[in-house]
Amino acid sequence: MTKKQPTYTEDFKRKIAELRESGKSIHEIQREYGMAKATICKWQEQYRTSGSFKAADNLSEEEKELRRLRKENKQLRMEVDILKQAALIMGRNAE
């Protein structure tokens, strides 16, 4: 059986990040809350950089631009496909 990953609230994440910021050691937090070191470090970094735990809020400017360009590229590909299909249909009707 696979172990279900726990879901944490924003308030809980903030509490853990604030504990770490206040000087409580990672090992103490791990023992007290039964959490992985990587999770604690990730939340602390997110809290320190943006104050938010949402992935979209913690992207660099380059990552945001890359997402925007990928989305635009996908939209343009769809438009090209639609135009190709329309051209095929128009070509059939001309015959």
Protein backbone atom coordinates (compact mmCIF):
# COMPACT_ATOMS: atom_id res chain seq x y z
CA MET A 1 0.00 0.00 0.00
CA THR A 2 1.14 3.52 -0.69
CA LYS A 3 1.37 5.98 2.12
CA LYS A 4 -0.90 9.01 1.71
CA GLN A 5 1.01 12.27 1.89
CA PRO A 6 -0.42 14.63 4.52
CA THR A 7 -1.93 17.97 3.52
CA TYR A 8 -0.97 20.99 5.58
CA THR A 9 -2.78 24.31 5.91
CA GLU A 10 -1.19 27.67 5.13
CA ASP A 11 -1.34 28.55 8.84
CA PHE A 12 0.50 25.37 9.82
CA LYS A 13 3.21 25.98 7.21
CA ARG A 14 3.58 29.56 8.42
CA LYS A 15 3.85 28.35 12.03
CA ILE A 16 6.64 25.91 11.12
CA ALA A 17 8.49 28.59 9.10
CA GLU A 18 8.18 31.07 11.95
CA LEU A 19 9.47 28.51 14.45
CA ARG A 20 12.50 27.98 12.26
CA GLU A 21 13.02 31.73 11.78
CA SER A 22 12.84 32.25 15.53
CA GLY A 23 15.84 29.96 15.96
CA LYS A 24 14.29 26.57 16.74
CA SER A 25 16.46 23.84 15.23
CA ILE A 26 15.31 21.69 12.35
CA HIS A 27 15.87 18.58 14.46
CA GLU A 28 13.58 19.87 17.22
CA ILE A 29 10.84 20.65 14.70
CA GLN A 30 11.30 17.23 13.07
CA ARG A 31 10.94 15.48 16.41
CA GLU A 32 8.00 17.55 17.57
CA TYR A 33 5.97 17.47 14.34
CA GLY A 34 7.31 14.34 12.58
CA MET A 35 8.23 16.15 9.40
CA ALA A 36 11.00 15.75 6.85
CA LYS A 37 13.95 18.13 6.96
CA ALA A 38 13.47 19.00 3.27
CA THR A 39 9.87 20.07 3.91
CA ILE A 40 10.87 22.36 6.76
CA CYS A 41 13.67 23.93 4.72
CA LYS A 42 11.40 24.41 1.69
CA TRP A 43 8.68 26.12 3.74
CA GLN A 44 11.21 28.35 5.47
CA GLU A 45 12.67 29.44 2.11
CA GLN A 46 9.22 30.11 0.63
CA TYR A 47 8.19 32.09 3.70
CA ARG A 48 11.39 34.10 3.62
CA THR A 49 11.29 34.94 -0.11
CA SER A 50 7.61 35.62 -0.83
CA GLY A 51 5.62 34.99 2.32
CA SER A 52 3.49 32.57 0.33
CA PHE A 53 3.47 28.79 0.07
CA LYS A 54 1.81 28.62 -3.36
CA ALA A 55 4.11 27.37 -6.10
CA ALA A 56 3.11 30.12 -8.54
CA ASP A 57 4.08 32.81 -6.04
CA ASN A 58 7.54 31.34 -5.57
CA LEU A 59 8.69 31.28 -9.19
CA SER A 60 11.60 33.35 -10.44
CA GLU A 61 10.98 35.95 -13.13
CA GLU A 62 12.56 33.63 -15.70
CA GLU A 63 10.25 30.76 -14.69
CA LYS A 64 7.21 33.04 -14.93
CA GLU A 65 8.29 34.22 -18.38
CA LEU A 66 8.90 30.64 -19.51
CA ARG A 67 5.40 29.62 -18.37
CA ARG A 68 3.89 32.59 -20.17
CA LEU A 69 5.79 31.81 -23.38
CA ARG A 70 4.83 28.13 -23.27
CA LYS A 71 1.19 29.07 -22.83
CA GLU A 72 1.41 31.53 -25.72
CA ASN A 73 3.19 28.93 -27.87
CA LYS A 74 0.44 26.39 -27.19
CA GLN A 75 -2.23 28.95 -28.14
CA LEU A 76 -0.44 29.84 -31.37
CA ARG A 77 -0.05 26.16 -32.33
CA MET A 78 -3.78 25.66 -31.83
CA GLU A 79 -4.54 28.67 -34.02
CA VAL A 80 -2.22 27.37 -36.77
CA ASP A 81 -3.93 23.96 -36.66
CA ILE A 82 -7.35 25.61 -36.96
CA LEU A 83 -6.16 27.65 -39.95
CA LYS A 84 -4.74 24.53 -41.63
CA GLN A 85 -8.05 22.71 -41.17
CA ALA A 86 -9.96 25.69 -42.51
CA ALA A 87 -7.68 25.84 -45.56
CA LEU A 88 -8.30 22.12 -46.24
CA ILE A 89 -12.05 22.59 -45.98
CA MET A 90 -11.97 25.65 -48.23
CA GLY A 91 -9.83 23.75 -50.76
CA ARG A 92 -12.38 20.90 -50.87
CA ASN A 93 -15.26 23.33 -51.38
CA ALA A 94 -13.45 25.02 -54.29
CA GLU A 95 -13.35 21.78 -56.27
